[in-house]
Amino acid sequence: MALSTINDAVLRVGELLIPIVGVMKCELLAGHYIQADETYVGVQTDEKKGCNHTGYFWQYSAPGKGVVFDFNMTRSKDVPKAFL
């Protein structure tokens, strides 16, 4: 199987999960307590061949509830402000 076929399949599954993540986000925001954290991850792009950019996975959760991840290329306070 070609790598592009695998990539397309993974992207399609991700698209199908968007509504579920939306419901999980609403459930988190309806509560009174949310934990948040970010961690950096190397990201390859066409703009910077041979080197990685630094991107961030933002994690939001609450005890007894699901975990929602949000990816962004910045660590700015505007990222959690937009989520919350």
PDB file of N, CA and C in Angstrom:
ATOM      1  N   MET A   1       0.854  -1.173   0.000  1.00  0.00           N
ATOM      2  CA  MET A   1       0.000   0.000   0.000  1.00  0.00           C
ATOM      3  C   MET A   1       0.905   1.243   0.000  1.00  0.00           C
ATOM      4  N   ALA A   2       0.566   2.196  -0.805  1.00  0.00           N
ATOM      5  CA  ALA A   2       1.363   3.421  -0.914  1.00  0.00           C
ATOM      6  C   ALA A   2       1.225   4.275   0.342  1.00  0.00           C
ATOM      7  N   LEU A   3       2.312   4.969   0.696  1.00  0.00           N
ATOM      8  CA  LEU A   3       2.300   5.847   1.869  1.00  0.00           C
ATOM      9  C   LEU A   3       1.224   6.916   1.744  1.00  0.00           C
ATOM     10  N   SER A   4       1.013   7.451   0.541  1.00  0.00           N
ATOM     11  CA  SER A   4      -0.015   8.476   0.355  1.00  0.00           C
ATOM     12  C   SER A   4      -1.405   7.917   0.644  1.00  0.00           C
ATOM     13  N   THR A   5      -1.628   6.628   0.335  1.00  0.00           N
ATOM     14  CA  THR A   5      -2.915   5.997   0.629  1.00  0.00           C
ATOM     15  C   THR A   5      -3.126   5.890   2.131  1.00  0.00           C
ATOM     16  N   ILE A   6      -2.084   5.517   2.858  1.00  0.00           N
ATOM     17  CA  ILE A   6      -2.177   5.435   4.319  1.00  0.00           C
ATOM     18  C   ILE A   6      -2.428   6.827   4.902  1.00  0.00           C
ATOM     19  N   ASN A   7      -1.695   7.822   4.424  1.00  0.00           N
ATOM     20  CA  ASN A   7      -1.889   9.192   4.910  1.00  0.00           C
ATOM     21  C   ASN A   7      -3.315   9.665   4.658  1.00  0.00           C
ATOM     22  N   ASP A   8      -3.829   9.402   3.475  1.00  0.00           N
ATOM     23  CA  ASP A   8      -5.201   9.802   3.150  1.00  0.00           C
ATOM     24  C   ASP A   8      -6.211   9.129   4.078  1.00  0.00           C
ATOM     25  N   ALA A   9      -5.983   7.845   4.391  1.00  0.00           N
ATOM     26  CA  ALA A   9      -6.893   7.115   5.276  1.00  0.00           C
ATOM     27  C   ALA A   9      -6.871   7.705   6.686  1.00  0.00           C
ATOM     28  N   VAL A  10      -5.671   8.018   7.183  1.00  0.00           N
ATOM     29  CA  VAL A  10      -5.553   8.600   8.526  1.00  0.00           C
ATOM     30  C   VAL A  10      -6.230   9.963   8.569  1.00  0.00           C
ATOM     31  N   LEU A  11      -6.028  10.779   7.548  1.00  0.00           N
ATOM     32  CA  LEU A  11      -6.671  12.096   7.496  1.00  0.00           C
ATOM     33  C   LEU A  11      -8.193  11.966   7.450  1.00  0.00           C
ATOM     34  N   ARG A  12      -8.695  11.008   6.702  1.00  0.00           N
ATOM     35  CA  ARG A  12     -10.151  10.809   6.602  1.00  0.00           C
ATOM     36  C   ARG A  12     -10.735  10.398   7.950  1.00  0.00           C
ATOM     37  N   VAL A  13     -10.072   9.486   8.644  1.00  0.00           N
ATOM     38  CA  VAL A  13     -10.542   9.072   9.975  1.00  0.00           C
ATOM     39  C   VAL A  13     -10.560  10.276  10.914  1.00  0.00           C
ATOM     40  N   GLY A  14      -9.510  11.098  10.855  1.00  0.00           N
ATOM     41  CA  GLY A  14      -9.469  12.311  11.675  1.00  0.00           C
ATOM     42  C   GLY A  14     -10.635  13.230  11.386  1.00  0.00           C
ATOM     43  N   GLU A  15     -10.986  13.378  10.121  1.00  0.00           N
ATOM     44  CA  GLU A  15     -12.127  14.220   9.750  1.00  0.00           C
ATOM     45  C   GLU A  15     -13.429  13.661  10.318  1.00  0.00           C
ATOM     46  N   LEU A  16     -13.566  12.340  10.319  1.00  0.00           N
ATOM     47  CA  LEU A  16     -14.779  11.715  10.845  1.00  0.00           C
ATOM     48  C   LEU A  16     -14.908  11.900  12.358  1.00  0.00           C
ATOM     49  N   LEU A  17     -13.779  12.093  13.042  1.00  0.00           N
ATOM     50  CA  LEU A  17     -13.806  12.250  14.502  1.00  0.00           C
ATOM     51  C   LEU A  17     -14.085  13.689  14.949  1.00  0.00           C
ATOM     52  N   ILE A  18     -14.054  14.647  14.046  1.00  0.00           N
ATOM     53  CA  ILE A  18     -14.244  16.055  14.416  1.00  0.00           C
ATOM     54  C   ILE A  18     -15.545  16.285  15.193  1.00  0.00           C
ATOM     55  N   PRO A  19     -16.691  15.739  14.773  1.00  0.00           N
ATOM     56  CA  PRO A  19     -17.917  15.956  15.560  1.00  0.00           C
ATOM     57  C   PRO A  19     -17.843  15.370  16.976  1.00  0.00           C
ATOM     58  N   ILE A  20     -17.167  14.240  17.125  1.00  0.00           N
ATOM     59  CA  ILE A  20     -17.030  13.623  18.447  1.00  0.00           C
ATOM     60  C   ILE A  20     -16.177  14.504  19.347  1.00  0.00           C
ATOM     61  N   VAL A  21     -15.089  15.032  18.808  1.00  0.00           N
ATOM     62  CA  VAL A  21     -14.238  15.932  19.582  1.00  0.00           C
ATOM     63  C   VAL A  21     -15.018  17.183  19.975  1.00  0.00           C
ATOM     64  N   GLY A  22     -15.887  17.656  19.098  1.00  0.00           N
ATOM     65  CA  GLY A  22     -16.724  18.818  19.420  1.00  0.00           C
ATOM     66  C   GLY A  22     -17.630  18.559  20.617  1.00  0.00           C
ATOM     67  N   VAL A  23     -18.223  17.383  20.665  1.00  0.00           N
ATOM     68  CA  VAL A  23     -19.083  17.012  21.801  1.00  0.00           C
ATOM     69  C   VAL A  23     -18.249  16.902  23.076  1.00  0.00           C
ATOM     70  N   MET A  24     -17.068  16.292  22.971  1.00  0.00           N
ATOM     71  CA  MET A  24     -16.192  16.166  24.141  1.00  0.00           C
ATOM     72  C   MET A  24     -15.778  17.543  24.664  1.00  0.00           C
ATOM     73  N   LYS A  25     -15.493  18.467  23.765  1.00  0.00           N
ATOM     74  CA  LYS A  25     -15.124  19.826  24.163  1.00  0.00           C
ATOM     75  C   LYS A  25     -16.287  20.499  24.882  1.00  0.00           C
ATOM     76  N   CYS A  26     -17.489  20.360  24.365  1.00  0.00           N
ATOM     77  CA  CYS A  26     -18.671  20.952  25.017  1.00  0.00           C
ATOM     78  C   CYS A  26     -18.863  20.393  26.422  1.00  0.00           C
ATOM     79  N   GLU A  27     -18.649  19.093  26.588  1.00  0.00           N
ATOM     80  CA  GLU A  27     -18.783  18.480  27.911  1.00  0.00           C
ATOM     81  C   GLU A  27     -17.740  19.034  28.880  1.00  0.00           C
ATOM     82  N   LEU A  28     -16.512  19.213  28.406  1.00  0.00           N
ATOM     83  CA  LEU A  28     -15.477  19.798  29.263  1.00  0.00           C
ATOM     84  C   LEU A  28     -15.831  21.224  29.655  1.00  0.00           C
ATOM     85  N   LEU A  29     -16.258  22.008  28.690  1.00  0.00           N
ATOM     86  CA  LEU A  29     -16.558  23.418  28.951  1.00  0.00           C
ATOM     87  C   LEU A  29     -17.791  23.594  29.842  1.00  0.00           C
ATOM     88  N   ALA A  30     -18.664  22.599  29.882  1.00  0.00           N
ATOM     89  CA  ALA A  30     -19.857  22.671  30.728  1.00  0.00           C
ATOM     90  C   ALA A  30     -19.533  22.429  32.203  1.00  0.00           C
ATOM     91  N   GLY A  31     -18.356  21.886  32.469  1.00  0.00           N
ATOM     92  CA  GLY A  31     -17.971  21.597  33.844  1.00  0.00           C
ATOM     93  C   GLY A  31     -17.413  22.823  34.551  1.00  0.00           C
ATOM     94  N   HIS A  32     -16.982  22.625  35.795  1.00  0.00           N
ATOM     95  CA  HIS A  32     -16.461  23.722  36.616  1.00  0.00           C
ATOM     96  C   HIS A  32     -14.949  23.658  36.799  1.00  0.00           C
ATOM     97  N   TYR A  33     -14.324  22.632  36.212  1.00  0.00           N
ATOM     98  CA  TYR A  33     -12.890  22.436  36.443  1.00  0.00           C
ATOM     99  C   TYR A  33     -12.262  21.844  35.178  1.00  0.00           C
ATOM    100  N   ILE A  34     -11.235  22.488  34.664  1.00  0.00           N
ATOM    101  CA  ILE A  34     -10.531  21.991  33.486  1.00  0.00           C
ATOM    102  C   ILE A  34      -9.026  22.078  33.743  1.00  0.00           C
ATOM    103  N   GLN A  35      -8.332  20.994  33.418  1.00  0.00           N
ATOM    104  CA  GLN A  35      -6.871  20.984  33.472  1.00  0.00           C
ATOM    105  C   GLN A  35      -6.354  21.215  32.057  1.00  0.00           C
ATOM    106  N   ALA A  36      -5.258  21.963  31.943  1.00  0.00           N
ATOM    107  CA  ALA A  36      -4.687  22.216  30.622  1.00  0.00           C
ATOM    108  C   ALA A  36      -3.170  22.150  30.702  1.00  0.00           C
ATOM    109  N   ASP A  37      -2.567  21.699  29.630  1.00  0.00           N
ATOM    110  CA  ASP A  37      -1.115  21.635  29.559  1.00  0.00           C
ATOM    111  C   ASP A  37      -0.728  21.590  28.087  1.00  0.00           C
ATOM    112  N   GLU A  38       0.505  21.967  27.791  1.00  0.00           N
ATOM    113  CA  GLU A  38       0.980  21.879  26.419  1.00  0.00           C
ATOM    114  C   GLU A  38       2.316  21.154  26.404  1.00  0.00           C
ATOM    115  N   THR A  39       2.590  20.489  25.316  1.00  0.00           N
ATOM    116  CA  THR A  39       3.876  19.832  25.136  1.00  0.00           C
ATOM    117  C   THR A  39       4.331  20.060  23.707  1.00  0.00           C
ATOM    118  N   TYR A  40       5.627  20.235  23.541  1.00  0.00           N
ATOM    119  CA  TYR A  40       6.120  20.540  22.203  1.00  0.00           C
ATOM    120  C   TYR A  40       6.328  19.266  21.393  1.00  0.00           C
ATOM    121  N   VAL A  41       6.271  19.421  20.095  1.00  0.00           N
ATOM    122  CA  VAL A  41       6.465  18.312  19.164  1.00  0.00           C
ATOM    123  C   VAL A  41       7.122  18.868  17.897  1.00  0.00           C
ATOM    124  N   GLY A  42       8.038  18.098  17.345  1.00  0.00           N
ATOM    125  CA  GLY A  42       8.674  18.497  16.095  1.00  0.00           C
ATOM    126  C   GLY A  42       7.711  18.330  14.930  1.00  0.00           C
ATOM    127  N   VAL A  43       7.672  19.323  14.057  1.00  0.00           N
ATOM    128  CA  VAL A  43       6.749  19.308  12.920  1.00  0.00           C
ATOM    129  C   VAL A  43       7.533  19.567  11.643  1.00  0.00           C
ATOM    130  N   GLN A  44       7.376  18.704  10.670  1.00  0.00           N
ATOM    131  CA  GLN A  44       8.026  18.906   9.377  1.00  0.00           C
ATOM    132  C   GLN A  44       7.076  19.644   8.442  1.00  0.00           C
ATOM    133  N   THR A  45       7.608  20.634   7.729  1.00  0.00           N
ATOM    134  CA  THR A  45       6.810  21.372   6.747  1.00  0.00           C
ATOM    135  C   THR A  45       7.648  21.574   5.493  1.00  0.00           C
ATOM    136  N   ASP A  46       6.997  21.947   4.427  1.00  0.00           N
ATOM    137  CA  ASP A  46       7.698  22.244   3.180  1.00  0.00           C
ATOM    138  C   ASP A  46       8.529  23.512   3.291  1.00  0.00           C
ATOM    139  N   GLU A  47       8.164  24.385   4.220  1.00  0.00           N
ATOM    140  CA  GLU A  47       8.851  25.667   4.374  1.00  0.00           C
ATOM    141  C   GLU A  47      10.273  25.516   4.914  1.00  0.00           C
ATOM    142  N   LYS A  48      10.524  24.459   5.676  1.00  0.00           N
ATOM    143  CA  LYS A  48      11.791  24.318   6.380  1.00  0.00           C
ATOM    144  C   LYS A  48      12.347  22.912   6.142  1.00  0.00           C
ATOM    145  N   LYS A  49      12.782  22.640   4.941  1.00  0.00           N
ATOM    146  CA  LYS A  49      13.274  21.309   4.566  1.00  0.00           C
ATOM    147  C   LYS A  49      14.496  20.924   5.412  1.00  0.00           C
ATOM    148  N   GLY A  50      14.492  19.698   5.931  1.00  0.00           N
ATOM    149  CA  GLY A  50      15.629  19.194   6.688  1.00  0.00           C
ATOM    150  C   GLY A  50      15.645  19.581   8.151  1.00  0.00           C
ATOM    151  N   CYS A  51      14.747  20.444   8.571  1.00  0.00           N
ATOM    152  CA  CYS A  51      14.668  20.871   9.975  1.00  0.00           C
ATOM    153  C   CYS A  51      13.213  20.810  10.422  1.00  0.00           C
ATOM    154  N   ASN A  52      13.033  20.709  11.706  1.00  0.00           N
ATOM    155  CA  ASN A  52      11.680  20.710  12.252  1.00  0.00           C
ATOM    156  C   ASN A  52      11.317  22.075  12.820  1.00  0.00           C
ATOM    157  N   HIS A  53      10.068  22.430  12.656  1.00  0.00           N
ATOM    158  CA  HIS A  53       9.484  23.539  13.401  1.00  0.00           C
ATOM    159  C   HIS A  53       9.076  22.979  14.754  1.00  0.00           C
ATOM    160  N   THR A  54       8.804  23.837  15.695  1.00  0.00           N
ATOM    161  CA  THR A  54       8.248  23.392  16.969  1.00  0.00           C
ATOM    162  C   THR A  54       6.759  23.699  16.962  1.00  0.00           C
ATOM    163  N   GLY A  55       5.950  22.654  17.135  1.00  0.00           N
ATOM    164  CA  GLY A  55       4.508  22.796  17.278  1.00  0.00           C
ATOM    165  C   GLY A  55       4.129  22.368  18.684  1.00  0.00           C
ATOM    166  N   TYR A  56       2.878  22.550  19.046  1.00  0.00           N
ATOM    167  CA  TYR A  56       2.429  22.234  20.410  1.00  0.00           C
ATOM    168  C   TYR A  56       1.111  21.478  20.393  1.00  0.00           C
ATOM    169  N   PHE A  57       1.071  20.408  21.175  1.00  0.00           N
ATOM    170  CA  PHE A  57      -0.184  19.727  21.462  1.00  0.00           C
ATOM    171  C   PHE A  57      -0.677  20.274  22.795  1.00  0.00           C
ATOM    172  N   TRP A  58      -1.841  20.876  22.775  1.00  0.00           N
ATOM    173  CA  TRP A  58      -2.484  21.378  23.990  1.00  0.00           C
ATOM    174  C   TRP A  58      -3.470  20.315  24.450  1.00  0.00           C
ATOM    175  N   GLN A  59      -3.415  19.965  25.724  1.00  0.00           N
ATOM    176  CA  GLN A  59      -4.265  18.928  26.304  1.00  0.00           C
ATOM    177  C   GLN A  59      -5.220  19.585  27.289  1.00  0.00           C
ATOM    178  N   TYR A  60      -6.501  19.271  27.160  1.00  0.00           N
ATOM    179  CA  TYR A  60      -7.529  19.774  28.075  1.00  0.00           C
ATOM    180  C   TYR A  60      -8.291  18.568  28.618  1.00  0.00           C
ATOM    181  N   SER A  61      -8.496  18.533  29.941  1.00  0.00           N
ATOM    182  CA  SER A  61      -9.195  17.404  30.542  1.00  0.00           C
ATOM    183  C   SER A  61      -9.809  17.825  31.870  1.00  0.00           C
ATOM    184  N   ALA A  62     -10.592  16.914  32.418  1.00  0.00           N
ATOM    185  CA  ALA A  62     -11.180  17.079  33.748  1.00  0.00           C
ATOM    186  C   ALA A  62     -11.304  15.683  34.344  1.00  0.00           C
ATOM    187  N   PRO A  63     -11.180  15.572  35.659  1.00  0.00           N
ATOM    188  CA  PRO A  63     -11.309  14.253  36.281  1.00  0.00           C
ATOM    189  C   PRO A  63     -12.631  13.575  35.896  1.00  0.00           C
ATOM    190  N   GLY A  64     -12.541  12.336  35.449  1.00  0.00           N
ATOM    191  CA  GLY A  64     -13.734  11.578  35.089  1.00  0.00           C
ATOM    192  C   GLY A  64     -14.291  11.895  33.712  1.00  0.00           C
ATOM    193  N   LYS A  65     -13.623  12.784  32.984  1.00  0.00           N
ATOM    194  CA  LYS A  65     -14.097  13.127  31.639  1.00  0.00           C
ATOM    195  C   LYS A  65     -13.011  12.794  30.630  1.00  0.00           C
ATOM    196  N   GLY A  66     -13.317  12.961  29.375  1.00  0.00           N
ATOM    197  CA  GLY A  66     -12.360  12.664  28.320  1.00  0.00           C
ATOM    198  C   GLY A  66     -11.249  13.694  28.233  1.00  0.00           C
ATOM    199  N   VAL A  67     -10.332  13.436  27.340  1.00  0.00           N
ATOM    200  CA  VAL A  67      -9.205  14.337  27.084  1.00  0.00           C
ATOM    201  C   VAL A  67      -9.334  14.842  25.656  1.00  0.00           C
ATOM    202  N   VAL A  68      -9.211  16.152  25.483  1.00  0.00           N
ATOM    203  CA  VAL A  68      -9.270  16.749  24.157  1.00  0.00           C
ATOM    204  C   VAL A  68      -7.904  17.358  23.856  1.00  0.00           C
ATOM    205  N   PHE A  69      -7.361  17.018  22.693  1.00  0.00           N
ATOM    206  CA  PHE A  69      -6.086  17.578  22.254  1.00  0.00           C
ATOM    207  C   PHE A  69      -6.335  18.607  21.168  1.00  0.00           C
ATOM    208  N   ASP A  70      -5.561  19.666  21.214  1.00  0.00           N
ATOM    209  CA  ASP A  70      -5.642  20.732  20.222  1.00  0.00           C
ATOM    210  C   ASP A  70      -4.219  21.011  19.757  1.00  0.00           C
ATOM    211  N   PHE A  71      -3.982  20.998  18.458  1.00  0.00           N
ATOM    212  CA  PHE A  71      -2.642  21.256  17.937  1.00  0.00           C
ATOM    213  C   PHE A  71      -2.548  22.687  17.440  1.00  0.00           C
ATOM    214  N   ASN A  72      -1.404  23.325  17.735  1.00  0.00           N
ATOM    215  CA  ASN A  72      -1.160  24.670  17.235  1.00  0.00           C
ATOM    216  C   ASN A  72       0.332  24.864  17.072  1.00  0.00           C
ATOM    217  N   MET A  73       0.724  25.754  16.202  1.00  0.00           N
ATOM    218  CA  MET A  73       2.145  26.019  15.971  1.00  0.00           C
ATOM    219  C   MET A  73       2.712  27.032  16.962  1.00  0.00           C
ATOM    220  N   THR A  74       1.901  27.503  17.893  1.00  0.00           N
ATOM    221  CA  THR A  74       2.366  28.495  18.854  1.00  0.00           C
ATOM    222  C   THR A  74       2.001  28.085  20.275  1.00  0.00           C
ATOM    223  N   ARG A  75       2.740  28.638  21.219  1.00  0.00           N
ATOM    224  CA  ARG A  75       2.493  28.414  22.644  1.00  0.00           C
ATOM    225  C   ARG A  75       1.804  29.635  23.254  1.00  0.00           C
ATOM    226  N   SER A  76       1.324  30.516  22.435  1.00  0.00           N
ATOM    227  CA  SER A  76       0.721  31.772  22.860  1.00  0.00           C
ATOM    228  C   SER A  76      -0.488  31.535  23.773  1.00  0.00           C
ATOM    229  N   LYS A  77      -0.704  32.470  24.674  1.00  0.00           N
ATOM    230  CA  LYS A  77      -1.877  32.391  25.574  1.00  0.00           C
ATOM    231  C   LYS A  77      -3.187  32.483  24.782  1.00  0.00           C
ATOM    232  N   ASP A  78      -3.113  32.935  23.539  1.00  0.00           N
ATOM    233  CA  ASP A  78      -4.313  33.032  22.717  1.00  0.00           C
ATOM    234  C   ASP A  78      -4.886  31.658  22.362  1.00  0.00           C
ATOM    235  N   VAL A  79      -4.038  30.619  22.379  1.00  0.00           N
ATOM    236  CA  VAL A  79      -4.503  29.273  22.053  1.00  0.00           C
ATOM    237  C   VAL A  79      -5.496  28.761  23.093  1.00  0.00           C
ATOM    238  N   PRO A  80      -5.135  28.732  24.397  1.00  0.00           N
ATOM    239  CA  PRO A  80      -6.139  28.278  25.368  1.00  0.00           C
ATOM    240  C   PRO A  80      -7.312  29.254  25.500  1.00  0.00           C
ATOM    241  N   LYS A  81      -7.059  30.551  25.309  1.00  0.00           N
ATOM    242  CA  LYS A  81      -8.172  31.509  25.347  1.00  0.00           C
ATOM    243  C   LYS A  81      -9.202  31.172  24.276  1.00  0.00           C
ATOM    244  N   ALA A  82      -8.740  30.816  23.077  1.00  0.00           N
ATOM    245  CA  ALA A  82      -9.661  30.466  21.995  1.00  0.00           C
ATOM    246  C   ALA A  82     -10.408  29.173  22.306  1.00  0.00           C
ATOM    247  N   PHE A  83      -9.735  28.210  22.937  1.00  0.00           N
ATOM    248  CA  PHE A  83     -10.380  26.934  23.267  1.00  0.00           C
ATOM    249  C   PHE A  83     -11.437  27.138  24.348  1.00  0.00           C
ATOM    250  N   LEU A  84     -11.071  27.926  25.363  1.00  0.00           N
ATOM    251  CA  LEU A  84     -11.966  28.119  26.514  1.00  0.00           C
ATOM    252  C   LEU A  84     -13.000  29.173  26.241  1.00  0.00           C
TER     253      LEU A  84
END
